[in-house]
Amino acid sequence: MPDRFAGLRSRRIVSELIEGAVGKTPQEIEQMTLGIIGGAVDRTIAIDGLPKRKIAAGKEALDKYDQAGHLVQETVTQGNGSYLQSNYAPDGALISQTARYADGSRDVDTFGIADQTYSARHDVFDAAGHRLATTFDNHDGSHTMTAYASGVTLTSTGASDIMKSAGGDTFVFKKAAGHDVIHGFKTGDSAGHDVIQIDSTIAADIAHLSVHVVGHDTVIDLGHDASITLTGVTSLTADHLLFI
């Protein structure tokens, strides 16, 4: 992303150097130069004393640059206190993004992860800072999703995803694609059991699904070479399925 204010900052730095160099020793000028240039890093579009810029009604943006003039962070704040903060590598690549909502909850996305089986991760936090769920984008195109609390909704991506339940969670399937696996699926009639939500375009009710037990697991055949495997589950009732 081009630095639209690089020229303005450069002229301001030169002006400060010229004004401040009068009567100074070479050593003092060197220290002053380092201080002014270093300070420019945190002078985030501080034009006319305003550290933020309005980009739309009810929105403000705060940009931070490195010493080379590269944009390293942009924070767009809404009038309700929510914000979207994006962090960039020197080459302009997006490396992380945090979306904070008005209720204090946050979504944190991290990209370009090296030396792992996944290239990106997505974390969901509640207002108290507790992690509710994490999704890893694996190199093979699949996703590994983990719920850490009750009430979390995990949605299949259409690839062969791996999902992990904390109990009392909902697993959403909007299309018949991939061979998904759910670990820790909670059955039973009491509060805290998990629910599989299936789009009505896949099946109208349980009668239109093929459900069978294979060893210690239950396999739900969605058709079109797609399935859901519930590991360690040998009894599944209509109470665990929701068709929308």
C-alpha atoms as a PDB file:
ATOM      1  CA  MET A   1       0.000   0.000   0.000  1.00  0.00           C
ATOM      2  CA  PRO A   2       1.561   3.369  -0.977  1.00  0.00           C
ATOM      3  CA  ASP A   3       2.480   5.772   1.794  1.00  0.00           C
ATOM      4  CA  ARG A   4       0.442   8.849   0.902  1.00  0.00           C
ATOM      5  CA  PHE A   5       2.055  10.944   3.630  1.00  0.00           C
ATOM      6  CA  ALA A   6       5.723  10.020   3.103  1.00  0.00           C
ATOM      7  CA  GLY A   7       6.537  13.300   1.359  1.00  0.00           C
ATOM      8  CA  LEU A   8       4.819  15.387   4.024  1.00  0.00           C
ATOM      9  CA  ARG A   9       6.650  13.573   6.823  1.00  0.00           C
ATOM     10  CA  SER A  10       9.987  13.886   5.008  1.00  0.00           C
ATOM     11  CA  ARG A  11       9.589  17.637   4.567  1.00  0.00           C
ATOM     12  CA  ARG A  12       8.606  18.027   8.212  1.00  0.00           C
ATOM     13  CA  ILE A  13      11.647  16.016   9.380  1.00  0.00           C
ATOM     14  CA  VAL A  14      14.014  18.096   7.208  1.00  0.00           C
ATOM     15  CA  SER A  15      12.452  21.295   8.543  1.00  0.00           C
ATOM     16  CA  GLU A  16      12.935  20.157  12.131  1.00  0.00           C
ATOM     17  CA  LEU A  17      16.556  19.207  11.428  1.00  0.00           C
ATOM     18  CA  ILE A  18      17.366  22.599   9.907  1.00  0.00           C
ATOM     19  CA  GLU A  19      15.708  24.543  12.729  1.00  0.00           C
ATOM     20  CA  GLY A  20      17.225  22.430  15.478  1.00  0.00           C
ATOM     21  CA  ALA A  21      20.791  22.207  14.118  1.00  0.00           C
ATOM     22  CA  VAL A  22      21.625  25.860  14.732  1.00  0.00           C
ATOM     23  CA  GLY A  23      24.434  26.128  17.323  1.00  0.00           C
ATOM     24  CA  LYS A  24      24.661  22.363  17.891  1.00  0.00           C
ATOM     25  CA  THR A  25      27.823  20.245  17.886  1.00  0.00           C
ATOM     26  CA  PRO A  26      28.092  17.373  15.358  1.00  0.00           C
ATOM     27  CA  GLN A  27      27.414  14.873  18.167  1.00  0.00           C
ATOM     28  CA  GLU A  28      24.323  16.773  19.269  1.00  0.00           C
ATOM     29  CA  ILE A  29      23.058  16.994  15.701  1.00  0.00           C
ATOM     30  CA  GLU A  30      23.495  13.227  15.293  1.00  0.00           C
ATOM     31  CA  GLN A  31      21.486  12.505  18.437  1.00  0.00           C
ATOM     32  CA  MET A  32      18.823  15.010  17.438  1.00  0.00           C
ATOM     33  CA  THR A  33      18.561  13.407  13.975  1.00  0.00           C
ATOM     34  CA  LEU A  34      18.049   9.944  15.437  1.00  0.00           C
ATOM     35  CA  GLY A  35      15.421  11.293  17.806  1.00  0.00           C
ATOM     36  CA  ILE A  36      13.445  13.076  15.093  1.00  0.00           C
ATOM     37  CA  ILE A  37      13.581  10.172  12.627  1.00  0.00           C
ATOM     38  CA  GLY A  38      12.725   7.649  15.336  1.00  0.00           C
ATOM     39  CA  GLY A  39       9.860   9.843  16.508  1.00  0.00           C
ATOM     40  CA  ALA A  40       8.458   9.887  12.984  1.00  0.00           C
ATOM     41  CA  VAL A  41       7.655   6.202  13.353  1.00  0.00           C
ATOM     42  CA  ASP A  42       4.991   6.938  15.940  1.00  0.00           C
ATOM     43  CA  ARG A  43       3.744  10.178  14.394  1.00  0.00           C
ATOM     44  CA  THR A  44       0.831   8.327  12.880  1.00  0.00           C
ATOM     45  CA  ILE A  45      -0.516  10.801  10.371  1.00  0.00           C
ATOM     46  CA  ALA A  46      -0.182  13.542  12.984  1.00  0.00           C
ATOM     47  CA  ILE A  47      -1.238  16.274  10.593  1.00  0.00           C
ATOM     48  CA  ASP A  48      -2.188  19.596  12.238  1.00  0.00           C
ATOM     49  CA  GLY A  49      -1.974  17.861  15.625  1.00  0.00           C
ATOM     50  CA  LEU A  50      -4.657  15.307  14.756  1.00  0.00           C
ATOM     51  CA  PRO A  51      -3.357  11.754  15.266  1.00  0.00           C
ATOM     52  CA  LYS A  52      -6.343  10.146  13.565  1.00  0.00           C
ATOM     53  CA  ARG A  53      -8.004  10.640  10.224  1.00  0.00           C
ATOM     54  CA  LYS A  54     -11.727  10.416   9.533  1.00  0.00           C
ATOM     55  CA  ILE A  55     -12.509   8.079   6.668  1.00  0.00           C
ATOM     56  CA  ALA A  56     -16.316   8.122   6.902  1.00  0.00           C
ATOM     57  CA  ALA A  57     -19.054   9.310   9.177  1.00  0.00           C
ATOM     58  CA  GLY A  58     -18.512   7.682  12.570  1.00  0.00           C
ATOM     59  CA  LYS A  59     -15.193   6.093  11.532  1.00  0.00           C
ATOM     60  CA  GLU A  60     -11.579   7.007  12.279  1.00  0.00           C
ATOM     61  CA  ALA A  61      -8.344   5.416  11.118  1.00  0.00           C
ATOM     62  CA  LEU A  62      -4.999   5.343  12.892  1.00  0.00           C
ATOM     63  CA  ASP A  63      -1.994   4.299  10.783  1.00  0.00           C
ATOM     64  CA  LYS A  64       1.503   3.358  11.958  1.00  0.00           C
ATOM     65  CA  TYR A  65       4.608   3.192   9.792  1.00  0.00           C
ATOM     66  CA  ASP A  66       8.107   1.796  10.209  1.00  0.00           C
ATOM     67  CA  GLN A  67      11.247   3.878   9.713  1.00  0.00           C
ATOM     68  CA  ALA A  68      11.291   3.014   6.011  1.00  0.00           C
ATOM     69  CA  GLY A  69       7.807   4.464   5.581  1.00  0.00           C
ATOM     70  CA  HIS A  70       6.010   1.122   5.231  1.00  0.00           C
ATOM     71  CA  LEU A  71       2.537   0.843   6.681  1.00  0.00           C
ATOM     72  CA  VAL A  72       2.776  -1.675   9.532  1.00  0.00           C
ATOM     73  CA  GLN A  73      -0.574  -1.224  11.257  1.00  0.00           C
ATOM     74  CA  GLU A  74      -3.952   0.288  10.458  1.00  0.00           C
ATOM     75  CA  THR A  75      -6.758   0.569  12.996  1.00  0.00           C
ATOM     76  CA  VAL A  76     -10.238   1.577  11.855  1.00  0.00           C
ATOM     77  CA  THR A  77     -12.493   2.488  14.783  1.00  0.00           C
ATOM     78  CA  GLN A  78     -16.270   2.753  14.667  1.00  0.00           C
ATOM     79  CA  GLY A  79     -18.343   5.160  16.701  1.00  0.00           C
ATOM     80  CA  ASN A  80     -19.582   2.324  18.933  1.00  0.00           C
ATOM     81  CA  GLY A  81     -16.029   1.450  20.037  1.00  0.00           C
ATOM     82  CA  SER A  82     -15.599  -1.545  17.771  1.00  0.00           C
ATOM     83  CA  TYR A  83     -12.521  -1.622  15.559  1.00  0.00           C
ATOM     84  CA  LEU A  84     -10.639  -3.549  12.898  1.00  0.00           C
ATOM     85  CA  GLN A  85      -6.872  -3.615  13.358  1.00  0.00           C
ATOM     86  CA  SER A  86      -4.673  -4.905  10.530  1.00  0.00           C
ATOM     87  CA  ASN A  87      -0.923  -5.599  10.760  1.00  0.00           C
ATOM     88  CA  TYR A  88       1.312  -5.751   7.694  1.00  0.00           C
ATOM     89  CA  ALA A  89       4.740  -7.098   6.812  1.00  0.00           C
ATOM     90  CA  PRO A  90       7.249  -4.707   5.162  1.00  0.00           C
ATOM     91  CA  ASP A  91       6.255  -6.106   1.741  1.00  0.00           C
ATOM     92  CA  GLY A  92       2.626  -5.142   2.371  1.00  0.00           C
ATOM     93  CA  ALA A  93       1.360  -8.655   3.088  1.00  0.00           C
ATOM     94  CA  LEU A  94      -1.379  -8.898   5.710  1.00  0.00           C
ATOM     95  CA  ILE A  95      -0.008 -10.896   8.660  1.00  0.00           C
ATOM     96  CA  SER A  96      -2.768 -10.513  11.251  1.00  0.00           C
ATOM     97  CA  GLN A  97      -6.131  -8.888  11.775  1.00  0.00           C
ATOM     98  CA  THR A  98      -8.170  -8.296  14.904  1.00  0.00           C
ATOM     99  CA  ALA A  99     -11.869  -7.455  14.818  1.00  0.00           C
ATOM    100  CA  ARG A 100     -13.169  -6.155  18.140  1.00  0.00           C
ATOM    101  CA  TYR A 101     -16.923  -5.847  18.475  1.00  0.00           C
ATOM    102  CA  ALA A 102     -18.997  -3.429  20.530  1.00  0.00           C
ATOM    103  CA  ASP A 103     -19.651  -6.083  23.184  1.00  0.00           C
ATOM    104  CA  GLY A 104     -15.893  -6.600  23.702  1.00  0.00           C
ATOM    105  CA  SER A 105     -15.617  -9.947  21.922  1.00  0.00           C
ATOM    106  CA  ARG A 106     -12.836 -10.398  19.363  1.00  0.00           C
ATOM    107  CA  ASP A 107     -11.915 -12.384  16.275  1.00  0.00           C
ATOM    108  CA  VAL A 108      -8.165 -12.695  15.677  1.00  0.00           C
ATOM    109  CA  ASP A 109      -6.847 -13.933  12.332  1.00  0.00           C
ATOM    110  CA  THR A 110      -3.163 -14.782  11.764  1.00  0.00           C
ATOM    111  CA  PHE A 111      -1.820 -15.397   8.259  1.00  0.00           C
ATOM    112  CA  GLY A 112       1.369 -16.569   6.595  1.00  0.00           C
ATOM    113  CA  ILE A 113       2.334 -18.987   9.365  1.00  0.00           C
ATOM    114  CA  ALA A 114       5.504 -20.935   8.551  1.00  0.00           C
ATOM    115  CA  ASP A 115       6.888 -24.284   9.728  1.00  0.00           C
ATOM    116  CA  GLN A 116       3.481 -25.653  10.721  1.00  0.00           C
ATOM    117  CA  THR A 117       0.925 -27.985   9.154  1.00  0.00           C
ATOM    118  CA  TYR A 118      -1.343 -24.965   8.757  1.00  0.00           C
ATOM    119  CA  SER A 119      -0.869 -21.598   7.062  1.00  0.00           C
ATOM    120  CA  ALA A 120      -3.371 -19.531   9.054  1.00  0.00           C
ATOM    121  CA  ARG A 121      -5.354 -19.635  12.287  1.00  0.00           C
ATOM    122  CA  HIS A 122      -8.511 -17.929  13.427  1.00  0.00           C
ATOM    123  CA  ASP A 123      -9.292 -17.442  17.131  1.00  0.00           C
ATOM    124  CA  VAL A 124     -12.559 -16.293  18.691  1.00  0.00           C
ATOM    125  CA  PHE A 125     -12.553 -14.667  22.145  1.00  0.00           C
ATOM    126  CA  ASP A 126     -15.390 -13.530  24.386  1.00  0.00           C
ATOM    127  CA  ALA A 127     -15.482 -10.127  26.095  1.00  0.00           C
ATOM    128  CA  ALA A 128     -13.582 -11.516  29.100  1.00  0.00           C
ATOM    129  CA  GLY A 129     -10.721 -12.678  26.880  1.00  0.00           C
ATOM    130  CA  HIS A 130     -11.540 -16.395  27.039  1.00  0.00           C
ATOM    131  CA  ARG A 131     -10.835 -18.325  23.853  1.00  0.00           C
ATOM    132  CA  LEU A 132     -14.054 -19.842  22.539  1.00  0.00           C
ATOM    133  CA  ALA A 133     -12.854 -21.506  19.356  1.00  0.00           C
ATOM    134  CA  THR A 134      -9.864 -21.898  17.043  1.00  0.00           C
ATOM    135  CA  THR A 135      -9.747 -22.832  13.369  1.00  0.00           C
ATOM    136  CA  PHE A 136      -6.551 -23.849  11.585  1.00  0.00           C
ATOM    137  CA  ASP A 137      -6.319 -23.592   7.782  1.00  0.00           C
ATOM    138  CA  ASN A 138      -4.308 -26.663   6.863  1.00  0.00           C
ATOM    139  CA  HIS A 139      -1.978 -26.825   3.883  1.00  0.00           C
ATOM    140  CA  ASP A 140      -4.044 -29.621   2.296  1.00  0.00           C
ATOM    141  CA  GLY A 141      -7.116 -27.369   2.123  1.00  0.00           C
ATOM    142  CA  SER A 142      -8.880 -28.899   5.113  1.00  0.00           C
ATOM    143  CA  HIS A 143      -9.562 -27.165   8.418  1.00  0.00           C
ATOM    144  CA  THR A 144      -9.192 -28.190  12.043  1.00  0.00           C
ATOM    145  CA  MET A 145     -11.794 -26.533  14.271  1.00  0.00           C
ATOM    146  CA  THR A 146     -11.885 -26.730  18.058  1.00  0.00           C
ATOM    147  CA  ALA A 147     -14.573 -25.433  20.400  1.00  0.00           C
ATOM    148  CA  TYR A 148     -13.411 -24.611  23.925  1.00  0.00           C
ATOM    149  CA  ALA A 149     -16.784 -23.702  25.412  1.00  0.00           C
ATOM    150  CA  SER A 150     -20.462 -24.592  25.224  1.00  0.00           C
ATOM    151  CA  GLY A 151     -22.591 -22.651  22.773  1.00  0.00           C
ATOM    152  CA  VAL A 152     -19.987 -22.401  20.003  1.00  0.00           C
ATOM    153  CA  THR A 153     -21.015 -22.826  16.368  1.00  0.00           C
ATOM    154  CA  LEU A 154     -18.552 -24.502  13.985  1.00  0.00           C
ATOM    155  CA  THR A 155     -19.387 -24.449  10.265  1.00  0.00           C
ATOM    156  CA  SER A 156     -18.083 -26.961   7.748  1.00  0.00           C
ATOM    157  CA  THR A 157     -16.173 -25.358   4.887  1.00  0.00           C
ATOM    158  CA  GLY A 158     -16.909 -27.993   2.286  1.00  0.00           C
ATOM    159  CA  ALA A 159     -13.463 -29.536   2.606  1.00  0.00           C
ATOM    160  CA  SER A 160     -12.750 -32.611   4.742  1.00  0.00           C
ATOM    161  CA  ASP A 161     -12.681 -30.816   8.078  1.00  0.00           C
ATOM    162  CA  ILE A 162     -11.881 -32.059  11.562  1.00  0.00           C
ATOM    163  CA  MET A 163     -14.043 -30.634  14.362  1.00  0.00           C
ATOM    164  CA  LYS A 164     -13.740 -30.985  18.121  1.00  0.00           C
ATOM    165  CA  SER A 165     -16.575 -30.371  20.548  1.00  0.00           C
ATOM    166  CA  ALA A 166     -16.537 -28.970  24.062  1.00  0.00           C
ATOM    167  CA  GLY A 167     -20.134 -30.122  24.642  1.00  0.00           C
ATOM    168  CA  GLY A 168     -23.286 -28.139  23.912  1.00  0.00           C
ATOM    169  CA  ASP A 169     -22.008 -26.959  20.554  1.00  0.00           C
ATOM    170  CA  THR A 170     -23.577 -26.735  17.094  1.00  0.00           C
ATOM    171  CA  PHE A 171     -22.020 -28.084  13.900  1.00  0.00           C
ATOM    172  CA  VAL A 172     -23.398 -26.534  10.723  1.00  0.00           C
ATOM    173  CA  PHE A 173     -23.416 -28.184   7.302  1.00  0.00           C
ATOM    174  CA  LYS A 174     -24.678 -26.001   4.473  1.00  0.00           C
ATOM    175  CA  LYS A 175     -23.739 -28.294   1.587  1.00  0.00           C
ATOM    176  CA  ALA A 176     -22.897 -31.917   0.959  1.00  0.00           C
ATOM    177  CA  ALA A 177     -19.130 -31.817   0.409  1.00  0.00           C
ATOM    178  CA  GLY A 178     -16.099 -33.481   1.941  1.00  0.00           C
ATOM    179  CA  HIS A 179     -15.746 -36.130   4.623  1.00  0.00           C
ATOM    180  CA  ASP A 180     -15.892 -34.331   7.954  1.00  0.00           C
ATOM    181  CA  VAL A 181     -15.009 -35.857  11.317  1.00  0.00           C
ATOM    182  CA  ILE A 182     -16.351 -34.672  14.674  1.00  0.00           C
ATOM    183  CA  HIS A 183     -14.490 -35.693  17.831  1.00  0.00           C
ATOM    184  CA  GLY A 184     -16.046 -35.541  21.283  1.00  0.00           C
ATOM    185  CA  PHE A 185     -19.630 -35.255  20.039  1.00  0.00           C
ATOM    186  CA  LYS A 186     -21.939 -35.244  23.095  1.00  0.00           C
ATOM    187  CA  THR A 187     -25.134 -37.242  22.839  1.00  0.00           C
ATOM    188  CA  GLY A 188     -27.972 -37.738  25.333  1.00  0.00           C
ATOM    189  CA  ASP A 189     -31.167 -35.878  26.206  1.00  0.00           C
ATOM    190  CA  SER A 190     -29.786 -33.616  28.924  1.00  0.00           C
ATOM    191  CA  ALA A 191     -28.676 -30.027  28.422  1.00  0.00           C
ATOM    192  CA  GLY A 192     -25.212 -29.782  26.954  1.00  0.00           C
ATOM    193  CA  HIS A 193     -25.626 -32.269  24.132  1.00  0.00           C
ATOM    194  CA  ASP A 194     -24.351 -31.298  20.712  1.00  0.00           C
ATOM    195  CA  VAL A 195     -26.445 -30.568  17.628  1.00  0.00           C
ATOM    196  CA  ILE A 196     -25.757 -31.137  13.944  1.00  0.00           C
ATOM    197  CA  GLN A 197     -27.512 -28.504  11.831  1.00  0.00           C
ATOM    198  CA  ILE A 198     -28.087 -29.603   8.246  1.00  0.00           C
ATOM    199  CA  ASP A 199     -29.339 -27.387   5.450  1.00  0.00           C
ATOM    200  CA  SER A 200     -32.673 -28.494   4.007  1.00  0.00           C
ATOM    201  CA  THR A 201     -31.109 -28.578   0.530  1.00  0.00           C
ATOM    202  CA  ILE A 202     -29.115 -31.587   1.729  1.00  0.00           C
ATOM    203  CA  ALA A 203     -31.969 -33.412   3.483  1.00  0.00           C
ATOM    204  CA  ALA A 204     -35.425 -32.445   4.717  1.00  0.00           C
ATOM    205  CA  ASP A 205     -35.293 -34.724   7.763  1.00  0.00           C
ATOM    206  CA  ILE A 206     -33.496 -37.726   9.241  1.00  0.00           C
ATOM    207  CA  ALA A 207     -35.504 -40.089   7.049  1.00  0.00           C
ATOM    208  CA  HIS A 208     -33.676 -38.702   4.011  1.00  0.00           C
ATOM    209  CA  LEU A 209     -30.267 -39.500   5.477  1.00  0.00           C
ATOM    210  CA  SER A 210     -28.342 -42.746   5.653  1.00  0.00           C
ATOM    211  CA  VAL A 211     -27.078 -43.161   9.229  1.00  0.00           C
ATOM    212  CA  HIS A 212     -25.159 -46.261  10.235  1.00  0.00           C
ATOM    213  CA  VAL A 213     -22.687 -47.422  12.876  1.00  0.00           C
ATOM    214  CA  VAL A 214     -19.233 -48.483  11.765  1.00  0.00           C
ATOM    215  CA  GLY A 215     -17.280 -50.027  14.620  1.00  0.00           C
ATOM    216  CA  HIS A 216     -17.389 -47.475  17.448  1.00  0.00           C
ATOM    217  CA  ASP A 217     -18.354 -44.551  15.210  1.00  0.00           C
ATOM    218  CA  THR A 218     -21.522 -43.230  13.610  1.00  0.00           C
ATOM    219  CA  VAL A 219     -21.394 -42.215   9.946  1.00  0.00           C
ATOM    220  CA  ILE A 220     -23.980 -39.891   8.413  1.00  0.00           C
ATOM    221  CA  ASP A 221     -24.044 -40.195   4.632  1.00  0.00           C
ATOM    222  CA  LEU A 222     -25.017 -36.840   3.105  1.00  0.00           C
ATOM    223  CA  GLY A 223     -24.922 -38.107  -0.481  1.00  0.00           C
ATOM    224  CA  HIS A 224     -22.754 -36.693  -3.267  1.00  0.00           C
ATOM    225  CA  ASP A 225     -19.755 -38.536  -1.766  1.00  0.00           C
ATOM    226  CA  ALA A 226     -19.977 -36.496   1.447  1.00  0.00           C
ATOM    227  CA  SER A 227     -20.249 -37.694   5.016  1.00  0.00           C
ATOM    228  CA  ILE A 228     -20.002 -36.816   8.711  1.00  0.00           C
ATOM    229  CA  THR A 229     -18.279 -39.239  11.079  1.00  0.00           C
ATOM    230  CA  LEU A 230     -18.938 -38.969  14.818  1.00  0.00           C
ATOM    231  CA  THR A 231     -16.074 -40.739  16.553  1.00  0.00           C
ATOM    232  CA  GLY A 232     -16.944 -42.778  19.629  1.00  0.00           C
ATOM    233  CA  VAL A 233     -20.697 -42.387  19.052  1.00  0.00           C
ATOM    234  CA  THR A 234     -22.883 -45.434  18.560  1.00  0.00           C
ATOM    235  CA  SER A 235     -26.305 -43.965  19.284  1.00  0.00           C
ATOM    236  CA  LEU A 236     -27.733 -40.953  17.489  1.00  0.00           C
ATOM    237  CA  THR A 237     -31.325 -39.728  17.688  1.00  0.00           C
ATOM    238  CA  ALA A 238     -33.386 -37.086  15.900  1.00  0.00           C
ATOM    239  CA  ASP A 239     -32.802 -34.787  18.900  1.00  0.00           C
ATOM    240  CA  HIS A 240     -29.210 -34.375  17.778  1.00  0.00           C
ATOM    241  CA  LEU A 241     -30.167 -33.260  14.265  1.00  0.00           C
ATOM    242  CA  LEU A 242     -31.644 -29.944  13.183  1.00  0.00           C
ATOM    243  CA  PHE A 243     -32.837 -29.337   9.621  1.00  0.00           C
ATOM    244  CA  ILE A 244     -33.115 -25.744   8.410  1.00  0.00           C
END
